[in-house]
Amino acid sequence: MHVKKETIIRTIILFISTINSILLIAGKNPIPWSEEEIYSALSAAVQVIVTAWSWWKNNSFTKNAVKADKYLNELNTNISD
């Protein structure tokens, strides 16, 4: 199951806006950000996380790197046996 980034962001915005409404009803100061600012911040955070994760993973692009990955997988399979 793959949940879209937009779905997660909309759910978080809904949660924050609900908290904002509860704060208003209770007579407290609401959260000082607009929905657009929250959406932009969450989108940027998701982008940073995805970028860091993609960078961290071993992404082999060259022919030799792909061969090395296959060799490593064979070694790991032989150790498991």
C-alpha atoms as a PDB file:
ATOM      1  CA  MET A   1       0.000   0.000   0.000  1.00  0.00           C
ATOM      2  CA  HIS A   2       1.400   3.360  -1.019  1.00  0.00           C
ATOM      3  CA  VAL A   3      -0.154   6.494   0.410  1.00  0.00           C
ATOM      4  CA  LYS A   4       0.388   9.623  -1.652  1.00  0.00           C
ATOM      5  CA  LYS A   5       2.369  12.495  -0.192  1.00  0.00           C
ATOM      6  CA  GLU A   6      -0.564  14.831  -0.784  1.00  0.00           C
ATOM      7  CA  THR A   7      -2.884  12.587   1.239  1.00  0.00           C
ATOM      8  CA  ILE A   8      -0.536  12.645   4.210  1.00  0.00           C
ATOM      9  CA  ILE A   9      -0.145  16.410   3.995  1.00  0.00           C
ATOM     10  CA  ARG A  10      -3.917  16.980   3.745  1.00  0.00           C
ATOM     11  CA  THR A  11      -4.463  14.736   6.769  1.00  0.00           C
ATOM     12  CA  ILE A  12      -1.913  16.681   8.805  1.00  0.00           C
ATOM     13  CA  ILE A  13      -3.462  19.982   7.731  1.00  0.00           C
ATOM     14  CA  LEU A  14      -6.891  18.667   8.753  1.00  0.00           C
ATOM     15  CA  PHE A  15      -5.498  17.672  12.153  1.00  0.00           C
ATOM     16  CA  ILE A  16      -3.865  21.078  12.645  1.00  0.00           C
ATOM     17  CA  SER A  17      -6.981  22.955  11.556  1.00  0.00           C
ATOM     18  CA  THR A  18      -9.053  20.862  13.995  1.00  0.00           C
ATOM     19  CA  ILE A  19      -6.662  21.787  16.807  1.00  0.00           C
ATOM     20  CA  ASN A  20      -6.934  25.407  15.668  1.00  0.00           C
ATOM     21  CA  SER A  21     -10.745  25.250  15.879  1.00  0.00           C
ATOM     22  CA  ILE A  22     -10.607  23.701  19.345  1.00  0.00           C
ATOM     23  CA  LEU A  23      -8.239  26.458  20.474  1.00  0.00           C
ATOM     24  CA  LEU A  24     -10.626  29.108  19.129  1.00  0.00           C
ATOM     25  CA  ILE A  25     -13.613  27.517  20.898  1.00  0.00           C
ATOM     26  CA  ALA A  26     -11.622  27.371  24.147  1.00  0.00           C
ATOM     27  CA  GLY A  27     -10.778  31.082  23.812  1.00  0.00           C
ATOM     28  CA  LYS A  28      -7.063  30.455  23.222  1.00  0.00           C
ATOM     29  CA  ASN A  29      -4.891  31.983  20.519  1.00  0.00           C
ATOM     30  CA  PRO A  30      -5.125  30.011  17.263  1.00  0.00           C
ATOM     31  CA  ILE A  31      -2.122  28.618  15.437  1.00  0.00           C
ATOM     32  CA  PRO A  32      -0.563  31.603  13.613  1.00  0.00           C
ATOM     33  CA  TRP A  33      -0.026  29.895  10.236  1.00  0.00           C
ATOM     34  CA  SER A  34      -2.275  29.700   7.217  1.00  0.00           C
ATOM     35  CA  GLU A  35      -3.132  26.384   5.571  1.00  0.00           C
ATOM     36  CA  GLU A  36      -0.965  27.320   2.586  1.00  0.00           C
ATOM     37  CA  GLU A  37       2.062  27.961   4.828  1.00  0.00           C
ATOM     38  CA  ILE A  38       1.550  24.634   6.627  1.00  0.00           C
ATOM     39  CA  TYR A  39       1.141  22.805   3.310  1.00  0.00           C
ATOM     40  CA  SER A  40       4.319  24.409   1.941  1.00  0.00           C
ATOM     41  CA  ALA A  41       6.303  23.576   5.084  1.00  0.00           C
ATOM     42  CA  LEU A  42       5.107  19.963   5.128  1.00  0.00           C
ATOM     43  CA  SER A  43       5.798  19.578   1.408  1.00  0.00           C
ATOM     44  CA  ALA A  44       9.326  20.884   1.934  1.00  0.00           C
ATOM     45  CA  ALA A  45       9.838  18.530   4.901  1.00  0.00           C
ATOM     46  CA  VAL A  46       8.653  15.529   2.869  1.00  0.00           C
ATOM     47  CA  GLN A  47      10.959  16.556   0.017  1.00  0.00           C
ATOM     48  CA  VAL A  48      13.959  16.808   2.364  1.00  0.00           C
ATOM     49  CA  ILE A  49      13.193  13.392   3.893  1.00  0.00           C
ATOM     50  CA  VAL A  50      12.753  11.716   0.503  1.00  0.00           C
ATOM     51  CA  THR A  51      15.922  13.355  -0.820  1.00  0.00           C
ATOM     52  CA  ALA A  52      17.952  12.228   2.198  1.00  0.00           C
ATOM     53  CA  TRP A  53      16.535   8.691   1.969  1.00  0.00           C
ATOM     54  CA  SER A  54      17.248   8.477  -1.755  1.00  0.00           C
ATOM     55  CA  TRP A  55      20.771   9.767  -1.257  1.00  0.00           C
ATOM     56  CA  TRP A  56      21.407   7.353   1.622  1.00  0.00           C
ATOM     57  CA  LYS A  57      20.334   4.265  -0.311  1.00  0.00           C
ATOM     58  CA  ASN A  58      22.901   2.502  -2.452  1.00  0.00           C
ATOM     59  CA  ASN A  59      21.993   3.608  -5.956  1.00  0.00           C
ATOM     60  CA  SER A  60      24.204   1.909  -8.498  1.00  0.00           C
ATOM     61  CA  PHE A  61      24.242   3.586 -11.912  1.00  0.00           C
ATOM     62  CA  THR A  62      27.432   2.360 -13.574  1.00  0.00           C
ATOM     63  CA  LYS A  63      27.895  -1.092 -15.076  1.00  0.00           C
ATOM     64  CA  ASN A  64      30.665  -1.912 -12.586  1.00  0.00           C
ATOM     65  CA  ALA A  65      28.544  -0.797  -9.620  1.00  0.00           C
ATOM     66  CA  VAL A  66      25.670  -3.026 -10.745  1.00  0.00           C
ATOM     67  CA  LYS A  67      28.087  -5.966 -11.091  1.00  0.00           C
ATOM     68  CA  ALA A  68      29.456  -5.248  -7.616  1.00  0.00           C
ATOM     69  CA  ASP A  69      25.913  -5.248  -6.187  1.00  0.00           C
ATOM     70  CA  LYS A  70      25.196  -8.619  -7.805  1.00  0.00           C
ATOM     71  CA  TYR A  71      28.450 -10.020  -6.430  1.00  0.00           C
ATOM     72  CA  LEU A  72      27.644  -8.713  -2.944  1.00  0.00           C
ATOM     73  CA  ASN A  73      24.173 -10.260  -3.101  1.00  0.00           C
ATOM     74  CA  GLU A  74      25.715 -13.601  -4.118  1.00  0.00           C
ATOM     75  CA  LEU A  75      28.157 -13.416  -1.207  1.00  0.00           C
ATOM     76  CA  ASN A  76      25.341 -12.625   1.229  1.00  0.00           C
ATOM     77  CA  THR A  77      23.223 -15.476  -0.162  1.00  0.00           C
ATOM     78  CA  ASN A  78      26.110 -17.943   0.215  1.00  0.00           C
ATOM     79  CA  ILE A  79      26.713 -16.842   3.808  1.00  0.00           C
ATOM     80  CA  SER A  80      23.042 -17.387   4.651  1.00  0.00           C
ATOM     81  CA  ASP A  81      23.097 -20.964   3.308  1.00  0.00           C
END
